């Protein structure tokens, strides 16, 4: 019975898959670890449900922003809110 439960849990498990994303030279930090849900195969029995995001956390990053392109050019870092997936769940 335990083997069946382990197999069922592994089949329906929806992990967050992390990859490094380059936001570009105007952001600090430039690279972030972005989460995604694995949705290439069904996670349910019978098939039909897929891993989808259910929770996210909002992180603040800095973006280099310039105003005015004449002799009065002004540049500064501005805070930007960026949501990151933190949990996935098997759902419709």
PDB file of N, CA and C in Angstrom:
ATOM      1  N   UNK A   1       0.818  -1.203   0.000  1.00  0.00           N
ATOM      2  CA  UNK A   1       0.000   0.000   0.000  1.00  0.00           C
ATOM      3  C   UNK A   1       0.862   1.269   0.000  1.00  0.00           C
ATOM      4  N   UNK A   2       1.975   1.222   0.753  1.00  0.00           N
ATOM      5  CA  UNK A   2       2.840   2.383   0.828  1.00  0.00           C
ATOM      6  C   UNK A   2       3.451   2.715  -0.529  1.00  0.00           C
ATOM      7  N   UNK A   3       3.813   1.706  -1.309  1.00  0.00           N
ATOM      8  CA  UNK A   3       4.378   1.919  -2.656  1.00  0.00           C
ATOM      9  C   UNK A   3       3.360   2.610  -3.561  1.00  0.00           C
ATOM     10  N   UNK A   4       2.099   2.224  -3.442  1.00  0.00           N
ATOM     11  CA  UNK A   4       1.040   2.839  -4.251  1.00  0.00           C
ATOM     12  C   UNK A   4       0.877   4.307  -3.865  1.00  0.00           C
ATOM     13  N   UNK A   5       0.908   4.594  -2.582  1.00  0.00           N
ATOM     14  CA  UNK A   5       0.781   5.983  -2.121  1.00  0.00           C
ATOM     15  C   UNK A   5       1.976   6.819  -2.584  1.00  0.00           C
ATOM     16  N   UNK A   6       3.179   6.255  -2.522  1.00  0.00           N
ATOM     17  CA  UNK A   6       4.358   6.966  -3.000  1.00  0.00           C
ATOM     18  C   UNK A   6       4.262   7.250  -4.492  1.00  0.00           C
ATOM     19  N   UNK A   7       3.814   6.272  -5.259  1.00  0.00           N
ATOM     20  CA  UNK A   7       3.654   6.456  -6.701  1.00  0.00           C
ATOM     21  C   UNK A   7       2.607   7.531  -6.989  1.00  0.00           C
ATOM     22  N   UNK A   8       1.476   7.473  -6.286  1.00  0.00           N
ATOM     23  CA  UNK A   8       0.407   8.458  -6.484  1.00  0.00           C
ATOM     24  C   UNK A   8       0.881   9.859  -6.126  1.00  0.00           C
ATOM     25  N   UNK A   9       1.617   9.999  -5.027  1.00  0.00           N
ATOM     26  CA  UNK A   9       2.133  11.308  -4.631  1.00  0.00           C
ATOM     27  C   UNK A   9       3.108  11.827  -5.682  1.00  0.00           C
ATOM     28  N   UNK A  10       4.000  10.956  -6.159  1.00  0.00           N
ATOM     29  CA  UNK A  10       4.976  11.372  -7.173  1.00  0.00           C
ATOM     30  C   UNK A  10       4.273  11.760  -8.477  1.00  0.00           C
ATOM     31  N   UNK A  11       3.202  11.078  -8.826  1.00  0.00           N
ATOM     32  CA  UNK A  11       2.469  11.354 -10.065  1.00  0.00           C
ATOM     33  C   UNK A  11       1.742  12.692  -9.992  1.00  0.00           C
ATOM     34  N   UNK A  12       1.211  13.032  -8.829  1.00  0.00           N
ATOM     35  CA  UNK A  12       0.395  14.250  -8.693  1.00  0.00           C
ATOM     36  C   UNK A  12       1.176  15.435  -8.126  1.00  0.00           C
ATOM     37  N   UNK A  13       2.444  15.245  -7.810  1.00  0.00           N
ATOM     38  CA  UNK A  13       3.274  16.295  -7.226  1.00  0.00           C
ATOM     39  C   UNK A  13       3.539  17.406  -8.248  1.00  0.00           C
ATOM     40  N   UNK A  14       3.436  18.633  -7.819  1.00  0.00           N
ATOM     41  CA  UNK A  14       3.648  19.792  -8.689  1.00  0.00           C
ATOM     42  C   UNK A  14       4.750  20.683  -8.122  1.00  0.00           C
ATOM     43  N   UNK A  15       5.995  20.394  -8.442  1.00  0.00           N
ATOM     44  CA  UNK A  15       7.078  21.210  -7.907  1.00  0.00           C
ATOM     45  C   UNK A  15       7.200  22.538  -8.654  1.00  0.00           C
ATOM     46  N   UNK A  16       7.826  23.503  -8.017  1.00  0.00           N
ATOM     47  CA  UNK A  16       8.175  24.756  -8.684  1.00  0.00           C
ATOM     48  C   UNK A  16       9.541  24.524  -9.321  1.00  0.00           C
ATOM     49  N   UNK A  17       9.621  24.741 -10.627  1.00  0.00           N
ATOM     50  CA  UNK A  17      10.873  24.563 -11.360  1.00  0.00           C
ATOM     51  C   UNK A  17      11.527  25.926 -11.534  1.00  0.00           C
ATOM     52  N   UNK A  18      12.740  26.062 -11.054  1.00  0.00           N
ATOM     53  CA  UNK A  18      13.424  27.353 -11.084  1.00  0.00           C
ATOM     54  C   UNK A  18      14.429  27.426 -12.225  1.00  0.00           C
ATOM     55  N   UNK A  19      14.458  28.579 -12.876  1.00  0.00           N
ATOM     56  CA  UNK A  19      15.457  28.869 -13.902  1.00  0.00           C
ATOM     57  C   UNK A  19      15.937  30.302 -13.671  1.00  0.00           C
ATOM     58  N   UNK A  20      17.165  30.568 -14.091  1.00  0.00           N
ATOM     59  CA  UNK A  20      17.707  31.919 -13.968  1.00  0.00           C
ATOM     60  C   UNK A  20      17.204  32.765 -15.122  1.00  0.00           C
ATOM     61  N   UNK A  21      16.723  33.948 -14.813  1.00  0.00           N
ATOM     62  CA  UNK A  21      16.221  34.873 -15.835  1.00  0.00           C
ATOM     63  C   UNK A  21      17.047  36.153 -15.798  1.00  0.00           C
ATOM     64  N   UNK A  22      17.452  36.608 -16.968  1.00  0.00           N
ATOM     65  CA  UNK A  22      18.213  37.846 -17.114  1.00  0.00           C
ATOM     66  C   UNK A  22      17.227  38.991 -17.341  1.00  0.00           C
ATOM     67  N   UNK A  23      17.138  39.909 -16.406  1.00  0.00           N
ATOM     68  CA  UNK A  23      16.235  41.059 -16.547  1.00  0.00           C
ATOM     69  C   UNK A  23      16.854  42.180 -17.372  1.00  0.00           C
ATOM     70  N   UNK A  24      18.148  42.099 -17.631  1.00  0.00           N
ATOM     71  CA  UNK A  24      18.820  43.120 -18.431  1.00  0.00           C
ATOM     72  C   UNK A  24      19.649  44.065 -17.578  1.00  0.00           C
ATOM     73  N   UNK A  25      20.418  44.894 -18.256  1.00  0.00           N
ATOM     74  CA  UNK A  25      21.367  45.780 -17.571  1.00  0.00           C
ATOM     75  C   UNK A  25      20.705  46.888 -16.759  1.00  0.00           C
ATOM     76  N   UNK A  26      19.450  47.172 -17.004  1.00  0.00           N
ATOM     77  CA  UNK A  26      18.771  48.253 -16.272  1.00  0.00           C
ATOM     78  C   UNK A  26      18.215  47.816 -14.928  1.00  0.00           C
ATOM     79  N   UNK A  27      18.346  46.510 -14.582  1.00  0.00           N
ATOM     80  CA  UNK A  27      17.798  46.010 -13.323  1.00  0.00           C
ATOM     81  C   UNK A  27      18.907  45.577 -12.377  1.00  0.00           C
ATOM     82  N   UNK A  28      18.610  45.731 -11.060  1.00  0.00           N
ATOM     83  CA  UNK A  28      19.492  45.195 -10.040  1.00  0.00           C
ATOM     84  C   UNK A  28      18.646  44.491  -9.001  1.00  0.00           C
ATOM     85  N   UNK A  29      18.885  43.251  -8.685  1.00  0.00           N
ATOM     86  CA  UNK A  29      19.897  42.435  -9.343  1.00  0.00           C
ATOM     87  C   UNK A  29      19.479  42.107 -10.775  1.00  0.00           C
ATOM     88  N   UNK A  30      20.445  41.869 -11.613  1.00  0.00           N
ATOM     89  CA  UNK A  30      20.177  41.614 -13.027  1.00  0.00           C
ATOM     90  C   UNK A  30      19.577  40.227 -13.239  1.00  0.00           C
ATOM     91  N   UNK A  31      20.059  39.244 -12.497  1.00  0.00           N
ATOM     92  CA  UNK A  31      19.588  37.866 -12.652  1.00  0.00           C
ATOM     93  C   UNK A  31      18.712  37.479 -11.469  1.00  0.00           C
ATOM     94  N   UNK A  32      17.566  36.846 -11.773  1.00  0.00           N
ATOM     95  CA  UNK A  32      16.674  36.366 -10.719  1.00  0.00           C
ATOM     96  C   UNK A  32      16.383  34.893 -10.958  1.00  0.00           C
ATOM     97  N   UNK A  33      16.056  34.199  -9.890  1.00  0.00           N
ATOM     98  CA  UNK A  33      15.679  32.800  -9.976  1.00  0.00           C
ATOM     99  C   UNK A  33      14.151  32.764 -10.073  1.00  0.00           C
ATOM    100  N   UNK A  34      13.644  32.525 -11.279  1.00  0.00           N
ATOM    101  CA  UNK A  34      12.211  32.588 -11.543  1.00  0.00           C
ATOM    102  C   UNK A  34      11.597  31.198 -11.507  1.00  0.00           C
ATOM    103  N   UNK A  35      10.451  31.058 -10.844  1.00  0.00           N
ATOM    104  CA  UNK A  35       9.765  29.776 -10.737  1.00  0.00           C
ATOM    105  C   UNK A  35       8.672  29.619 -11.779  1.00  0.00           C
ATOM    106  N   UNK A  36       8.495  28.382 -12.244  1.00  0.00           N
ATOM    107  CA  UNK A  36       7.426  28.022 -13.168  1.00  0.00           C
ATOM    108  C   UNK A  36       6.858  26.673 -12.762  1.00  0.00           C
ATOM    109  N   UNK A  37       5.621  26.418 -13.170  1.00  0.00           N
ATOM    110  CA  UNK A  37       4.988  25.137 -12.893  1.00  0.00           C
ATOM    111  C   UNK A  37       5.137  24.215 -14.100  1.00  0.00           C
ATOM    112  N   UNK A  38       5.463  22.956 -13.836  1.00  0.00           N
ATOM    113  CA  UNK A  38       5.605  21.965 -14.899  1.00  0.00           C
ATOM    114  C   UNK A  38       4.211  21.599 -15.379  1.00  0.00           C
ATOM    115  N   UNK A  39       3.897  21.900 -16.641  1.00  0.00           N
ATOM    116  CA  UNK A  39       2.541  21.666 -17.149  1.00  0.00           C
ATOM    117  C   UNK A  39       2.538  20.889 -18.459  1.00  0.00           C
ATOM    118  N   UNK A  40       3.572  20.085 -18.698  1.00  0.00           N
ATOM    119  CA  UNK A  40       3.656  19.351 -19.955  1.00  0.00           C
ATOM    120  C   UNK A  40       2.866  18.050 -19.940  1.00  0.00           C
ATOM    121  N   UNK A  41       2.535  17.546 -18.749  1.00  0.00           N
ATOM    122  CA  UNK A  41       1.720  16.334 -18.666  1.00  0.00           C
ATOM    123  C   UNK A  41       0.697  16.509 -17.562  1.00  0.00           C
ATOM    124  N   UNK A  42      -0.362  15.724 -17.652  1.00  0.00           N
ATOM    125  CA  UNK A  42      -1.410  15.785 -16.641  1.00  0.00           C
ATOM    126  C   UNK A  42      -0.869  15.291 -15.306  1.00  0.00           C
ATOM    127  N   UNK A  43      -1.374  15.874 -14.230  1.00  0.00           N
ATOM    128  CA  UNK A  43      -0.935  15.488 -12.884  1.00  0.00           C
ATOM    129  C   UNK A  43      -2.052  14.776 -12.125  1.00  0.00           C
ATOM    130  N   UNK A  44      -3.107  14.352 -12.833  1.00  0.00           N
ATOM    131  CA  UNK A  44      -4.242  13.740 -12.150  1.00  0.00           C
ATOM    132  C   UNK A  44      -4.605  12.389 -12.760  1.00  0.00           C
ATOM    133  N   UNK A  45      -5.358  11.619 -11.993  1.00  0.00           N
ATOM    134  CA  UNK A  45      -5.953  10.366 -12.456  1.00  0.00           C
ATOM    135  C   UNK A  45      -7.443  10.479 -12.224  1.00  0.00           C
ATOM    136  N   UNK A  46      -8.287  10.422 -13.223  1.00  0.00           N
ATOM    137  CA  UNK A  46      -7.979  10.391 -14.645  1.00  0.00           C
ATOM    138  C   UNK A  46      -7.353  11.711 -15.100  1.00  0.00           C
ATOM    139  N   UNK A  47      -6.713  11.657 -16.262  1.00  0.00           N
ATOM    140  CA  UNK A  47      -6.006  12.824 -16.786  1.00  0.00           C
ATOM    141  C   UNK A  47      -6.948  13.987 -17.059  1.00  0.00           C
ATOM    142  N   UNK A  48      -6.396  15.187 -17.038  1.00  0.00           N
ATOM    143  CA  UNK A  48      -7.201  16.379 -17.328  1.00  0.00           C
ATOM    144  C   UNK A  48      -6.793  17.594 -16.517  1.00  0.00           C
ATOM    145  N   UNK A  49      -6.149  17.361 -15.380  1.00  0.00           N
ATOM    146  CA  UNK A  49      -5.695  18.479 -14.552  1.00  0.00           C
ATOM    147  C   UNK A  49      -4.199  18.683 -14.769  1.00  0.00           C
ATOM    148  N   UNK A  50      -3.739  19.935 -14.584  1.00  0.00           N
ATOM    149  CA  UNK A  50      -2.340  20.274 -14.803  1.00  0.00           C
ATOM    150  C   UNK A  50      -1.821  21.119 -13.652  1.00  0.00           C
ATOM    151  N   UNK A  51      -0.508  21.153 -13.504  1.00  0.00           N
ATOM    152  CA  UNK A  51       0.121  21.971 -12.456  1.00  0.00           C
ATOM    153  C   UNK A  51      -0.038  23.449 -12.808  1.00  0.00           C
ATOM    154  N   UNK A  52      -0.563  24.215 -11.840  1.00  0.00           N
ATOM    155  CA  UNK A  52      -0.784  25.646 -12.048  1.00  0.00           C
ATOM    156  C   UNK A  52      -0.306  26.420 -10.820  1.00  0.00           C
ATOM    157  N   UNK A  53       0.076  27.683 -11.018  1.00  0.00           N
ATOM    158  CA  UNK A  53       0.518  28.502  -9.872  1.00  0.00           C
ATOM    159  C   UNK A  53      -0.625  28.758  -8.904  1.00  0.00           C
ATOM    160  N   UNK A  54      -0.354  28.639  -7.600  1.00  0.00           N
ATOM    161  CA  UNK A  54      -1.361  28.954  -6.585  1.00  0.00           C
ATOM    162  C   UNK A  54      -0.884  30.021  -5.605  1.00  0.00           C
ATOM    163  N   UNK A  55       0.432  30.196  -5.501  1.00  0.00           N
ATOM    164  CA  UNK A  55       0.966  31.231  -4.607  1.00  0.00           C
ATOM    165  C   UNK A  55       2.132  31.926  -5.284  1.00  0.00           C
ATOM    166  N   UNK A  56       2.287  33.193  -4.939  1.00  0.00           N
ATOM    167  CA  UNK A  56       3.447  33.931  -5.432  1.00  0.00           C
ATOM    168  C   UNK A  56       3.912  34.881  -4.335  1.00  0.00           C
ATOM    169  N   UNK A  57       5.142  35.258  -4.437  1.00  0.00           N
ATOM    170  CA  UNK A  57       5.701  36.264  -3.535  1.00  0.00           C
ATOM    171  C   UNK A  57       6.125  37.444  -4.395  1.00  0.00           C
ATOM    172  N   UNK A  58       5.948  38.630  -3.877  1.00  0.00           N
ATOM    173  CA  UNK A  58       6.331  39.824  -4.617  1.00  0.00           C
ATOM    174  C   UNK A  58       7.657  40.320  -4.072  1.00  0.00           C
ATOM    175  N   UNK A  59       8.620  40.449  -4.955  1.00  0.00           N
ATOM    176  CA  UNK A  59       9.950  40.940  -4.594  1.00  0.00           C
ATOM    177  C   UNK A  59      10.139  42.320  -5.204  1.00  0.00           C
ATOM    178  N   UNK A  60      10.937  43.124  -4.554  1.00  0.00           N
ATOM    179  CA  UNK A  60      11.240  44.458  -5.060  1.00  0.00           C
ATOM    180  C   UNK A  60      12.627  44.459  -5.675  1.00  0.00           C
ATOM    181  N   UNK A  61      12.703  44.884  -6.918  1.00  0.00           N
ATOM    182  CA  UNK A  61      13.962  45.024  -7.628  1.00  0.00           C
ATOM    183  C   UNK A  61      14.146  46.493  -7.965  1.00  0.00           C
ATOM    184  N   UNK A  62      15.360  46.848  -8.326  1.00  0.00           N
ATOM    185  CA  UNK A  62      15.634  48.228  -8.708  1.00  0.00           C
ATOM    186  C   UNK A  62      15.815  48.324 -10.217  1.00  0.00           C
ATOM    187  N   UNK A  63      15.215  49.367 -10.803  1.00  0.00           N
ATOM    188  CA  UNK A  63      15.334  49.610 -12.244  1.00  0.00           C
ATOM    189  C   UNK A  63      15.953  50.984 -12.449  1.00  0.00           C
ATOM    190  N   UNK A  64      16.955  51.035 -13.318  1.00  0.00           N
ATOM    191  CA  UNK A  64      17.617  52.298 -13.645  1.00  0.00           C
ATOM    192  C   UNK A  64      16.717  53.058 -14.606  1.00  0.00           C
ATOM    193  N   UNK A  65      16.326  54.262 -14.212  1.00  0.00           N
ATOM    194  CA  UNK A  65      15.370  55.047 -15.003  1.00  0.00           C
ATOM    195  C   UNK A  65      15.912  56.454 -15.214  1.00  0.00           C
ATOM    196  N   UNK A  66      15.886  56.893 -16.458  1.00  0.00           N
ATOM    197  CA  UNK A  66      16.367  58.237 -16.789  1.00  0.00           C
ATOM    198  C   UNK A  66      15.225  59.074 -17.370  1.00  0.00           C
ATOM    199  N   UNK A  67      15.214  60.356 -17.024  1.00  0.00           N
ATOM    200  CA  UNK A  67      14.243  61.307 -17.556  1.00  0.00           C
ATOM    201  C   UNK A  67      14.992  62.461 -18.188  1.00  0.00           C
ATOM    202  N   UNK A  68      14.436  62.923 -19.284  1.00  0.00           N
ATOM    203  CA  UNK A  68      15.036  64.061 -19.970  1.00  0.00           C
ATOM    204  C   UNK A  68      16.281  63.652 -20.727  1.00  0.00           C
ATOM    205  N   UNK A  69      16.329  63.984 -21.972  1.00  0.00           N
ATOM    206  CA  UNK A  69      17.474  63.583 -22.789  1.00  0.00           C
ATOM    207  C   UNK A  69      18.292  64.786 -23.252  1.00  0.00           C
ATOM    208  N   UNK A  70      17.993  65.933 -22.696  1.00  0.00           N
ATOM    209  CA  UNK A  70      18.779  67.133 -23.026  1.00  0.00           C
ATOM    210  C   UNK A  70      19.876  67.305 -21.982  1.00  0.00           C
ATOM    211  N   UNK A  71      20.302  68.519 -21.763  1.00  0.00           N
ATOM    212  CA  UNK A  71      21.349  68.781 -20.773  1.00  0.00           C
ATOM    213  C   UNK A  71      20.843  68.574 -19.342  1.00  0.00           C
ATOM    214  N   UNK A  72      19.531  68.455 -19.149  1.00  0.00           N
ATOM    215  CA  UNK A  72      18.935  68.270 -17.829  1.00  0.00           C
ATOM    216  C   UNK A  72      18.603  66.792 -17.548  1.00  0.00           C
ATOM    217  N   UNK A  73      19.418  65.895 -18.041  1.00  0.00           N
ATOM    218  CA  UNK A  73      19.170  64.471 -17.860  1.00  0.00           C
ATOM    219  C   UNK A  73      19.289  64.098 -16.375  1.00  0.00           C
ATOM    220  N   UNK A  74      18.312  63.336 -15.884  1.00  0.00           N
ATOM    221  CA  UNK A  74      18.281  62.911 -14.488  1.00  0.00           C
ATOM    222  C   UNK A  74      18.041  61.405 -14.434  1.00  0.00           C
ATOM    223  N   UNK A  75      18.919  60.667 -13.802  1.00  0.00           N
ATOM    224  CA  UNK A  75      18.788  59.218 -13.698  1.00  0.00           C
ATOM    225  C   UNK A  75      18.797  58.794 -12.228  1.00  0.00           C
ATOM    226  N   UNK A  76      18.019  57.753 -11.924  1.00  0.00           N
ATOM    227  CA  UNK A  76      17.954  57.235 -10.565  1.00  0.00           C
ATOM    228  C   UNK A  76      17.442  55.800 -10.587  1.00  0.00           C
ATOM    229  N   UNK A  77      17.645  55.095  -9.482  1.00  0.00           N
ATOM    230  CA  UNK A  77      17.084  53.758  -9.324  1.00  0.00           C
ATOM    231  C   UNK A  77      15.657  53.892  -8.789  1.00  0.00           C
ATOM    232  N   UNK A  78      14.705  53.183  -9.405  1.00  0.00           N
ATOM    233  CA  UNK A  78      13.329  53.184  -8.902  1.00  0.00           C
ATOM    234  C   UNK A  78      12.958  51.752  -8.518  1.00  0.00           C
ATOM    235  N   UNK A  79      12.209  51.573  -7.428  1.00  0.00           N
ATOM    236  CA  UNK A  79      11.795  50.229  -7.025  1.00  0.00           C
ATOM    237  C   UNK A  79      10.680  49.707  -7.935  1.00  0.00           C
ATOM    238  N   UNK A  80      10.770  48.432  -8.280  1.00  0.00           N
ATOM    239  CA  UNK A  80       9.773  47.783  -9.136  1.00  0.00           C
ATOM    240  C   UNK A  80       9.316  46.503  -8.451  1.00  0.00           C
ATOM    241  N   UNK A  81       8.015  46.316  -8.340  1.00  0.00           N
ATOM    242  CA  UNK A  81       7.456  45.100  -7.748  1.00  0.00           C
ATOM    243  C   UNK A  81       7.397  44.002  -8.815  1.00  0.00           C
ATOM    244  N   UNK A  82       7.870  42.793  -8.477  1.00  0.00           N
ATOM    245  CA  UNK A  82       7.941  41.696  -9.439  1.00  0.00           C
ATOM    246  C   UNK A  82       7.418  40.429  -8.761  1.00  0.00           C
ATOM    247  N   UNK A  83       6.291  39.850  -9.259  1.00  0.00           N
ATOM    248  CA  UNK A  83       5.763  38.633  -8.629  1.00  0.00           C
ATOM    249  C   UNK A  83       6.551  37.395  -9.081  1.00  0.00           C
ATOM    250  N   UNK A  84       6.841  36.497  -8.136  1.00  0.00           N
ATOM    251  CA  UNK A  84       7.545  35.261  -8.421  1.00  0.00           C
ATOM    252  C   UNK A  84       6.722  34.086  -7.909  1.00  0.00           C
ATOM    253  N   UNK A  85       6.497  33.081  -8.731  1.00  0.00           N
ATOM    254  CA  UNK A  85       5.728  31.904  -8.351  1.00  0.00           C
ATOM    255  C   UNK A  85       6.456  31.175  -7.231  1.00  0.00           C
ATOM    256  N   UNK A  86       5.721  30.855  -6.153  1.00  0.00           N
ATOM    257  CA  UNK A  86       6.329  30.176  -5.021  1.00  0.00           C
ATOM    258  C   UNK A  86       5.709  28.806  -4.743  1.00  0.00           C
ATOM    259  N   UNK A  87       4.543  28.529  -5.352  1.00  0.00           N
ATOM    260  CA  UNK A  87       3.888  27.227  -5.116  1.00  0.00           C
ATOM    261  C   UNK A  87       3.002  26.867  -6.303  1.00  0.00           C
ATOM    262  N   UNK A  88       3.030  25.587  -6.664  1.00  0.00           N
ATOM    263  CA  UNK A  88       2.188  25.064  -7.748  1.00  0.00           C
ATOM    264  C   UNK A  88       1.279  23.981  -7.182  1.00  0.00           C
ATOM    265  N   UNK A  89       0.123  23.792  -7.835  1.00  0.00           N
ATOM    266  CA  UNK A  89      -0.833  22.798  -7.372  1.00  0.00           C
ATOM    267  C   UNK A  89      -1.520  22.166  -8.579  1.00  0.00           C
ATOM    268  N   UNK A  90      -1.866  20.913  -8.458  1.00  0.00           N
ATOM    269  CA  UNK A  90      -2.589  20.204  -9.515  1.00  0.00           C
ATOM    270  C   UNK A  90      -4.041  20.680  -9.492  1.00  0.00           C
ATOM    271  N   UNK A  91      -4.495  21.333 -10.582  1.00  0.00           N
ATOM    272  CA  UNK A  91      -5.858  21.856 -10.625  1.00  0.00           C
ATOM    273  C   UNK A  91      -6.362  21.978 -12.055  1.00  0.00           C
ATOM    274  N   UNK A  92      -7.651  22.301 -12.169  1.00  0.00           N
ATOM    275  CA  UNK A  92      -8.303  22.442 -13.480  1.00  0.00           C
ATOM    276  C   UNK A  92      -7.931  23.735 -14.151  1.00  0.00           C
TER     277      UNK A  92
END
